[in-house]
Amino acid sequence: MTKNSTTYKQCNRCVMDTTDLEITFDANGYCNHCIEFFRKRPKFTYQGKESDEALEKIIKQIKRDGRGKEYDCIIGLSGGIDSSYTIYVAKQKGLRILAVHMDNGWDSKEAVTNVKNIVNKLGIDYESYVIDWEEFKDLQLSFLKASVPEAETPTDMLILSALHYFAAKYNVKYIIGGGNFVTEGILPKSWHYNAKDLKYFNHIQKTFGGKRLKKISTFGVKTEMYYKLIKNIRMVYLLRYAPFTKAEAMKILKENLDWKPYGGKHHESIYTKFVQSYYLYEKFQIDYRRSTLSSEICSGESNYDDAIEQLKSKPYDLVGIEEQKQYISKKLDVPADEFERILRLPPKWYWDYPNDSKRLGFIYDTYKEFFGEEKLVFSKNARNFVYKLFLRLVILAVYI
C-alpha cells in the first residue's frame, strides 16, 4: 500500500511491491525501481572491455596517489560476500590494502572466522574499530523505540565514521566500498533512509535515548564534505567495473580464502539478521529479500518464478526466532517483555520525524554531477576549480 493508495500491487517485472510506500508503476505495471535499475545498469555494472579499461585507470590512479604512503586504500571488511570479494579483487590488482572492521558487538562466528582467514591468507594489514558498547546499545534502542525501519542506521553511520577515520589517520585518499549494483541496485528509500541525516539521527537519539553520545563519533554531511573536499578522500566501488556474480564470488572465496557462508544477505551480523529478517517483516511487512531478488532478476542472476517461490516462506527461522529475540534483548539489557512491547509499537517512517531529506538530496545530486567515478581522473587545475565551485554550493546548502 503506497502513501496514496490502500491497494496492494506487485511489479510485473521484478518482485518489488507496495510494501514500499513510495513505489510507483507505469502503464506496463513496471515499478520505478526496475525502470531506474535498467537506466543505470550500463554505468554501474560490468560492460566488458570498457569496464576493464576503466578499472585499470582507477587502479593506476589509486596507486599513483598512494606513492610514499603505507597503504593505497582502505577497505571495510565485515566477513560478508561483497566486502570479502572486494578485498580479493583489490589484492589481485596489486593494491596495498588496510582492512578495517567496525566491531559493534554483533559479529557472527562465521563473520569473525572469515575476517581472520581473509586477512591472514591475503597477507594484508588489519585494524579493528571498536565502539563504546554502552553508548551504542542506547543508540540502537533509540531507533527501535522510534519504531522506524532504519534500526541499523547507527551501524551504517559508524561504518562510514570508522573508514574515514583510518583514511585520514594514514593519509589514504581512497576508500573502496564493497557495494555492488548486481545484488544491491534496488533498495527503496522508505526501507533504508539516509544514514547521514544528522537532523533525523539526533532527533531520534534525543527523543528516545537515555545517554549523551560522548564517545561515538557521528558522521553527517558536514563531516563527509570535510573529508571529501578538504582531505580529498574518495569512495570507489570496484565491483561496478569487475565481473561479478554472487555464485562465482562465493566459489572463489571458498576455494581461495576458506570463506564460510552465513545465511542470507548481511546475516554476517546477528543484529542485522534479526532486523532484516524479522523486525522489518513483522512490523512493516517489509521482506528485505524482495530488494535483493529484484536486483538479481534485473541483473539476470535470478528469475521471476524462482523469486516468487522463495517469497512464499517467511524470511526468518520460525523455530529459532524466540531464542534469537531472547539473546538480543539480553544483550541490549532490556527485559524480554519490554523488548516485545517495543517491537509491537506502531510503525513509523522517516517522514514522521524531522529530517533533512530535501537539502541532502540537493547536496548529493550536485556532488555526483561533479564527482562521478567516471570523472575520477582530473587534471590538477580542473580538480581545484571544481572543488572550489562545489564547496561554495555546499556552504550555501549546509549553512543557509
Protein backbone atom coordinates (compact mmCIF):
# COMPACT_ATOMS: atom_id res chain seq x y z
CA MET A 1 0.00 0.00 0.00
CA THR A 2 1.54 3.27 -1.08
CA LYS A 3 1.19 6.64 0.62
CA ASN A 4 -1.71 7.44 -1.66
CA SER A 5 -3.29 4.02 -2.06
CA THR A 6 -4.53 1.12 0.05
CA THR A 7 -4.49 -1.34 -2.88
CA TYR A 8 -1.76 -3.98 -2.93
CA LYS A 9 0.24 -4.23 -6.14
CA GLN A 10 3.40 -6.02 -7.23
CA CYS A 11 5.66 -5.17 -10.15
CA ASN A 12 5.15 -7.21 -13.33
CA ARG A 13 8.89 -7.49 -13.94
CA CYS A 14 10.67 -7.61 -10.58
CA VAL A 15 9.13 -8.51 -7.21
CA MET A 16 9.02 -5.07 -5.59
CA ASP A 17 5.59 -4.21 -4.25
CA THR A 18 3.56 -1.67 -2.33
CA THR A 19 5.25 -2.51 0.96
CA ASP A 20 7.45 0.28 -0.36
CA LEU A 21 5.04 3.11 0.38
CA GLU A 22 6.67 5.37 -2.24
CA ILE A 23 6.63 2.91 -5.15
CA THR A 24 5.11 3.93 -8.48
CA PHE A 25 4.13 1.94 -11.59
CA ASP A 26 3.99 2.75 -15.28
CA ALA A 27 1.32 1.70 -17.80
CA ASN A 28 3.02 -1.72 -18.21
CA GLY A 29 2.92 -2.39 -14.49
CA TYR A 30 6.69 -1.93 -14.17
CA CYS A 31 7.82 -0.23 -10.97
CA ASN A 32 10.08 2.81 -10.67
CA HIS A 33 12.79 0.64 -9.11
CA CYS A 34 13.40 -1.72 -12.02
CA ILE A 35 12.92 1.10 -14.54
CA GLU A 36 15.67 3.02 -12.76
CA PHE A 37 17.80 -0.12 -12.48
CA PHE A 38 17.82 -0.67 -16.23
CA ARG A 39 18.59 3.00 -16.82
CA LYS A 40 21.64 2.83 -14.54
CA ARG A 41 22.84 -0.70 -15.31
CA PRO A 42 25.23 0.20 -18.16
CA LYS A 43 27.01 2.65 -15.87
CA PHE A 44 27.13 0.59 -12.68
CA THR A 45 27.73 -2.99 -13.86
CA TYR A 46 30.47 -4.76 -15.81
CA GLN A 47 30.41 -3.93 -19.53
CA GLY A 48 33.34 -5.95 -20.88
CA LYS A 49 36.32 -4.12 -22.42
CA GLU A 50 35.00 -0.68 -21.50
CA SER A 51 34.79 -1.65 -17.81
CA ASP A 52 38.19 -3.38 -17.93
CA GLU A 53 39.82 -0.21 -19.24
CA ALA A 54 38.01 1.98 -16.69
CA LEU A 55 39.08 -0.31 -13.84
CA GLU A 56 42.73 -0.21 -14.92
CA LYS A 57 42.63 3.60 -14.99
CA ILE A 58 41.17 3.68 -11.50
CA ILE A 59 43.75 1.21 -10.15
CA LYS A 60 46.59 3.23 -11.68
CA GLN A 61 45.22 6.43 -10.18
CA ILE A 62 44.89 4.82 -6.73
CA LYS A 63 48.47 3.50 -6.91
CA ARG A 64 49.77 6.87 -8.13
CA ASP A 65 48.14 8.73 -5.27
CA GLY A 66 49.41 6.12 -2.81
CA ARG A 67 53.08 6.65 -3.59
CA GLY A 68 55.13 7.30 -0.50
CA LYS A 69 52.34 6.12 1.80
CA GLU A 70 51.92 2.92 3.75
CA TYR A 71 48.64 2.00 2.02
CA ASP A 72 46.90 2.67 -1.28
CA CYS A 73 43.39 2.22 0.04
CA ILE A 74 41.10 1.46 2.96
CA ILE A 75 38.51 -1.33 2.62
CA GLY A 76 35.82 -2.14 5.17
CA LEU A 77 35.70 -5.87 5.91
CA SER A 78 32.62 -7.42 7.51
CA GLY A 79 33.27 -11.03 6.50
CA GLY A 80 30.30 -10.95 4.12
CA ILE A 81 30.39 -11.80 0.41
CA ASP A 82 30.64 -8.28 -1.00
CA SER A 83 33.38 -6.86 1.21
CA SER A 84 35.36 -10.12 1.13
CA TYR A 85 35.27 -10.34 -2.65
CA THR A 86 36.11 -6.64 -3.00
CA ILE A 87 39.27 -7.15 -0.95
CA TYR A 88 40.12 -10.20 -3.05
CA VAL A 89 39.78 -8.23 -6.30
CA ALA A 90 41.76 -5.29 -4.92
CA LYS A 91 44.58 -7.60 -3.79
CA GLN A 92 44.65 -9.29 -7.21
CA LYS A 93 45.13 -5.83 -8.73
CA GLY A 94 48.18 -5.24 -6.56
CA LEU A 95 46.76 -2.64 -4.19
CA ARG A 96 48.26 -2.21 -0.73
CA ILE A 97 45.20 -2.56 1.48
CA LEU A 98 44.37 -1.68 5.05
CA ALA A 99 41.32 -3.74 6.01
CA VAL A 100 39.09 -2.07 8.61
CA HIS A 101 36.47 -3.91 10.62
CA MET A 102 33.88 -1.95 12.59
CA ASP A 103 33.21 -4.03 15.71
CA ASN A 104 29.76 -3.17 17.09
CA GLY A 105 29.46 -6.31 19.21
CA TRP A 106 27.15 -8.27 16.90
CA ASP A 107 29.53 -10.31 14.70
CA SER A 108 28.51 -13.88 13.98
CA LYS A 109 31.06 -16.67 14.46
CA GLU A 110 31.20 -17.10 10.68
CA ALA A 111 32.00 -13.41 10.19
CA VAL A 112 34.84 -13.49 12.73
CA THR A 113 36.32 -16.59 11.08
CA ASN A 114 36.01 -15.09 7.60
CA VAL A 115 37.73 -11.85 8.60
CA LYS A 116 40.66 -13.75 10.16
CA ASN A 117 41.04 -16.08 7.17
CA ILE A 118 40.91 -13.28 4.61
CA VAL A 119 43.44 -11.10 6.41
CA ASN A 120 45.85 -13.99 7.02
CA LYS A 121 45.60 -15.67 3.63
CA LEU A 122 45.90 -12.42 1.65
CA GLY A 123 48.63 -11.07 3.92
CA ILE A 124 47.03 -7.66 4.46
CA ASP A 125 47.11 -5.33 7.43
CA TYR A 126 44.05 -5.03 9.61
CA GLU A 127 42.58 -2.53 12.10
CA SER A 128 39.52 -3.00 14.30
CA TYR A 129 37.35 -0.01 15.18
CA VAL A 130 35.71 -0.90 18.50
CA ILE A 131 32.64 1.13 19.53
CA ASP A 132 31.74 2.07 23.10
CA TRP A 133 29.13 -0.57 23.86
CA GLU A 134 27.08 1.35 26.44
CA GLU A 135 26.51 4.32 24.14
CA PHE A 136 25.94 2.15 21.08
CA LYS A 137 23.46 -0.05 22.92
CA ASP A 138 21.49 3.03 23.94
CA LEU A 139 21.59 4.29 20.36
CA GLN A 140 20.26 1.04 18.93
CA LEU A 141 17.42 1.03 21.46
CA SER A 142 16.56 4.61 20.49
CA PHE A 143 15.95 3.60 16.88
CA LEU A 144 13.91 0.58 17.96
CA LYS A 145 11.79 2.80 20.20
CA ALA A 146 11.37 5.30 17.35
CA SER A 147 9.77 2.35 15.55
CA VAL A 148 11.31 3.14 12.13
CA PRO A 149 12.75 0.71 9.56
CA GLU A 150 16.21 2.27 10.00
CA ALA A 151 17.13 0.18 13.04
CA GLU A 152 20.59 -0.28 11.55
CA THR A 153 21.30 3.41 10.92
CA PRO A 154 23.67 3.58 13.94
CA THR A 155 25.80 0.81 12.44
CA ASP A 156 25.71 2.27 8.92
CA MET A 157 26.79 5.69 10.15
CA LEU A 158 29.60 4.34 12.31
CA ILE A 159 30.99 2.23 9.48
CA LEU A 160 31.46 5.45 7.50
CA SER A 161 32.99 7.12 10.53
CA ALA A 162 35.47 4.26 11.01
CA LEU A 163 36.54 4.11 7.36
CA HIS A 164 37.14 7.85 7.10
CA TYR A 165 38.94 7.94 10.45
CA PHE A 166 41.53 5.44 9.26
CA ALA A 167 41.80 7.02 5.81
CA ALA A 168 42.66 10.36 7.45
CA LYS A 169 44.97 8.71 10.01
CA TYR A 170 47.11 7.11 7.29
CA ASN A 171 46.63 9.92 4.74
CA VAL A 172 44.98 7.49 2.31
CA LYS A 173 42.93 9.09 -0.46
CA TYR A 174 40.72 6.15 -1.43
CA ILE A 175 38.13 4.12 0.44
CA ILE A 176 36.98 1.17 -1.64
CA GLY A 177 33.38 0.26 -0.92
CA GLY A 178 32.04 -3.26 -1.11
CA GLY A 179 28.68 -2.33 -2.59
CA ASN A 180 27.60 -3.79 -5.91
CA PHE A 181 24.75 -3.00 -8.27
CA VAL A 182 24.03 -6.61 -9.24
CA THR A 183 22.52 -7.56 -5.87
CA GLU A 184 22.02 -4.09 -4.32
CA GLY A 185 20.82 -1.93 -7.19
CA ILE A 186 17.29 -1.80 -5.81
CA LEU A 187 16.67 -0.52 -2.29
CA PRO A 188 13.69 1.77 -1.55
CA LYS A 189 14.34 4.98 0.34
CA SER A 190 11.37 4.23 2.61
CA TRP A 191 13.05 0.97 3.67
CA HIS A 192 16.50 2.42 4.29
CA TYR A 193 16.60 6.19 4.70
CA ASN A 194 19.86 8.18 4.56
CA ALA A 195 22.12 7.22 7.50
CA LYS A 196 23.94 10.56 7.21
CA ASP A 197 20.93 12.72 8.06
CA LEU A 198 22.02 14.09 11.43
CA LYS A 199 18.82 16.08 11.90
CA TYR A 200 16.89 12.80 11.82
CA PHE A 201 19.55 10.89 13.77
CA ASN A 202 19.91 13.47 16.55
CA HIS A 203 16.15 13.93 16.95
CA ILE A 204 15.66 10.18 17.48
CA GLN A 205 18.51 9.88 19.96
CA LYS A 206 17.43 12.99 21.88
CA THR A 207 13.79 11.86 21.99
CA PHE A 208 14.21 8.16 22.75
CA GLY A 209 17.76 7.78 24.08
CA GLY A 210 18.96 7.84 27.66
CA LYS A 211 22.58 8.87 27.08
CA ARG A 212 24.51 11.74 25.54
CA LEU A 213 26.89 10.45 22.88
CA LYS A 214 30.36 11.39 24.14
CA LYS A 215 32.48 8.55 22.77
CA ILE A 216 30.68 7.81 19.50
CA SER A 217 31.60 9.97 16.51
CA THR A 218 28.65 10.77 14.25
CA PHE A 219 29.03 11.21 10.51
CA GLY A 220 26.86 13.78 8.75
CA VAL A 221 27.11 15.84 5.58
CA LYS A 222 29.46 18.47 7.09
CA THR A 223 31.90 15.78 8.20
CA GLU A 224 31.60 13.98 4.90
CA MET A 225 32.27 17.11 2.86
CA TYR A 226 35.28 17.90 5.06
CA TYR A 227 36.75 14.51 4.21
CA LYS A 228 35.83 14.77 0.52
CA LEU A 229 36.74 18.39 -0.18
CA ILE A 230 39.45 19.20 2.35
CA LYS A 231 41.11 15.81 2.88
CA ASN A 232 40.37 14.73 -0.74
CA ILE A 233 39.19 11.25 0.29
CA ARG A 234 37.14 9.46 -2.36
CA MET A 235 34.80 6.45 -2.28
CA VAL A 236 35.29 3.99 -5.15
CA TYR A 237 33.29 0.82 -5.89
CA LEU A 238 35.46 -1.70 -7.76
CA LEU A 239 32.67 -4.25 -8.24
CA ARG A 240 30.97 -1.85 -10.66
CA TYR A 241 33.90 -2.42 -13.03
CA ALA A 242 34.68 -6.11 -12.42
CA PRO A 243 32.75 -9.23 -13.47
CA PHE A 244 30.57 -10.13 -10.51
CA THR A 245 28.00 -12.79 -9.77
CA LYS A 246 27.18 -13.90 -6.25
CA ALA A 247 27.62 -17.59 -7.05
CA GLU A 248 31.03 -17.12 -8.70
CA ALA A 249 32.21 -14.79 -5.92
CA MET A 250 31.27 -17.35 -3.26
CA LYS A 251 33.04 -20.10 -5.19
CA ILE A 252 36.26 -18.07 -5.45
CA LEU A 253 36.16 -17.07 -1.78
CA LYS A 254 35.58 -20.64 -0.58
CA GLU A 255 38.36 -22.08 -2.76
CA ASN A 256 40.97 -19.40 -2.13
CA LEU A 257 40.24 -17.95 1.30
CA ASP A 258 38.41 -20.74 3.15
CA TRP A 259 35.41 -18.42 3.37
CA LYS A 260 32.34 -19.71 5.26
CA PRO A 261 28.71 -18.93 4.29
CA TYR A 262 26.48 -17.40 6.97
CA GLY A 263 22.94 -17.47 5.55
CA GLY A 264 21.14 -14.51 3.95
CA LYS A 265 22.45 -11.20 2.72
CA HIS A 266 24.09 -9.18 5.54
CA HIS A 267 23.46 -12.00 8.00
CA GLU A 268 27.15 -11.93 8.98
CA SER A 269 25.82 -9.64 11.74
CA ILE A 270 23.48 -11.23 14.31
CA TYR A 271 21.60 -7.98 14.82
CA THR A 272 21.32 -7.18 11.10
CA LYS A 273 19.96 -10.67 10.52
CA PHE A 274 17.28 -10.06 13.16
CA VAL A 275 16.38 -6.60 11.82
CA GLN A 276 16.16 -7.58 8.16
CA SER A 277 14.55 -10.99 8.52
CA TYR A 278 12.19 -10.49 11.48
CA TYR A 279 11.81 -6.89 12.66
CA LEU A 280 11.16 -5.37 9.22
CA TYR A 281 8.93 -8.24 8.14
CA GLU A 282 6.68 -8.39 11.20
CA LYS A 283 6.43 -4.66 11.94
CA PHE A 284 6.39 -3.15 8.44
CA GLN A 285 5.62 -6.17 6.21
CA ILE A 286 8.95 -5.42 4.52
CA ASP A 287 10.51 -8.58 3.14
CA TYR A 288 14.11 -7.49 2.53
CA ARG A 289 14.59 -10.39 0.15
CA ARG A 290 12.43 -8.52 -2.36
CA SER A 291 15.14 -5.90 -2.75
CA THR A 292 17.91 -8.43 -3.37
CA LEU A 293 15.80 -10.72 -5.56
CA SER A 294 14.55 -7.79 -7.65
CA SER A 295 18.12 -6.63 -8.22
CA GLU A 296 19.13 -10.15 -9.21
CA ILE A 297 16.16 -10.52 -11.57
CA CYS A 298 17.09 -7.29 -13.34
CA SER A 299 20.74 -8.41 -13.46
CA GLY A 300 19.84 -11.81 -14.92
CA GLU A 301 21.12 -13.58 -11.80
CA SER A 302 17.67 -14.88 -10.82
CA ASN A 303 14.29 -15.33 -12.44
CA TYR A 304 10.84 -14.10 -11.51
CA ASP A 305 9.25 -17.51 -10.83
CA ASP A 306 12.04 -18.66 -8.52
CA ALA A 307 11.86 -15.37 -6.62
CA ILE A 308 8.11 -15.73 -6.13
CA GLU A 309 8.64 -19.24 -4.81
CA GLN A 310 11.25 -18.05 -2.29
CA LEU A 311 8.94 -15.32 -1.06
CA LYS A 312 6.21 -17.80 -0.15
CA SER A 313 8.10 -18.70 3.03
CA LYS A 314 8.83 -16.32 5.89
CA PRO A 315 12.34 -14.80 5.86
CA TYR A 316 13.21 -15.97 9.38
CA ASP A 317 13.57 -19.31 11.18
CA LEU A 318 10.22 -19.98 12.88
CA VAL A 319 11.84 -22.39 15.34
CA GLY A 320 14.83 -20.26 16.33
CA ILE A 321 13.34 -16.78 16.38
CA GLU A 322 12.30 -16.82 20.06
CA GLU A 323 15.79 -17.81 21.13
CA GLN A 324 17.19 -15.08 18.90
CA LYS A 325 14.91 -12.45 20.46
CA GLN A 326 15.92 -13.56 23.94
CA TYR A 327 19.60 -13.27 23.02
CA ILE A 328 19.17 -9.76 21.60
CA SER A 329 17.02 -8.45 24.46
CA LYS A 330 19.52 -9.78 26.99
CA LYS A 331 22.47 -8.23 25.14
CA LEU A 332 20.62 -4.89 24.99
CA ASP A 333 19.82 -5.18 28.73
CA VAL A 334 16.09 -5.00 28.11
CA PRO A 335 13.63 -7.37 29.84
CA ALA A 336 12.01 -9.76 27.38
CA ASP A 337 8.50 -8.38 27.93
CA GLU A 338 9.70 -4.79 27.42
CA PHE A 339 11.52 -5.83 24.26
CA GLU A 340 8.31 -7.37 22.93
CA ARG A 341 6.43 -4.16 23.75
CA ILE A 342 8.97 -2.12 21.78
CA LEU A 343 8.71 -4.48 18.81
CA ARG A 344 4.91 -4.11 18.81
CA LEU A 345 4.92 -0.30 18.76
CA PRO A 346 3.03 1.18 15.76
CA PRO A 347 5.29 1.56 12.70
CA LYS A 348 6.74 4.95 11.84
CA TRP A 349 8.67 6.21 8.82
CA TYR A 350 11.43 8.76 8.29
CA TRP A 351 8.90 11.40 7.21
CA ASP A 352 7.22 11.12 10.62
CA TYR A 353 10.27 12.75 12.23
CA PRO A 354 12.25 15.94 11.48
CA ASN A 355 14.70 15.27 8.64
CA ASP A 356 16.89 16.95 6.03
CA SER A 357 15.82 14.85 3.06
CA LYS A 358 15.41 17.70 0.55
CA ARG A 359 18.61 19.52 1.42
CA LEU A 360 20.68 16.33 1.44
CA GLY A 361 19.16 15.32 -1.88
CA PHE A 362 20.35 18.60 -3.42
CA ILE A 363 23.85 18.27 -1.97
CA TYR A 364 24.41 14.68 -3.08
CA ASP A 365 22.88 15.17 -6.52
CA THR A 366 25.20 18.12 -7.07
CA TYR A 367 28.20 16.19 -5.79
CA LYS A 368 27.52 13.28 -8.13
CA GLU A 369 27.21 15.69 -11.04
CA PHE A 370 30.72 16.98 -10.40
CA PHE A 371 32.49 13.96 -8.93
CA GLY A 372 31.09 10.81 -10.51
CA GLU A 373 33.52 7.88 -10.56
CA GLU A 374 33.84 8.15 -14.32
CA LYS A 375 35.46 11.55 -13.61
CA LEU A 376 37.95 10.07 -11.17
CA VAL A 377 40.99 11.23 -13.14
CA PHE A 378 41.11 15.03 -13.22
CA SER A 379 43.95 17.33 -14.14
CA LYS A 380 45.15 19.22 -11.05
CA ASN A 381 43.82 22.58 -12.26
CA ALA A 382 40.42 21.15 -13.23
CA ARG A 383 40.14 19.38 -9.89
CA ASN A 384 40.92 22.53 -7.92
CA PHE A 385 38.40 24.55 -9.92
CA VAL A 386 35.61 22.02 -9.42
CA TYR A 387 36.40 21.63 -5.71
CA LYS A 388 36.13 25.37 -5.15
CA LEU A 389 32.90 25.64 -7.14
CA PHE A 390 31.28 22.71 -5.37
CA LEU A 391 32.48 23.88 -1.96
CA ARG A 392 30.61 27.15 -2.44
CA LEU A 393 27.44 25.23 -3.29
CA VAL A 394 27.82 23.03 -0.21
CA ILE A 395 28.34 26.02 2.05
CA LEU A 396 25.13 27.54 0.71
CA ALA A 397 23.18 24.30 1.17
CA VAL A 398 24.52 23.42 4.61
CA TYR A 399 24.67 26.74 6.38
CA ILE A 400 21.83 28.81 4.91
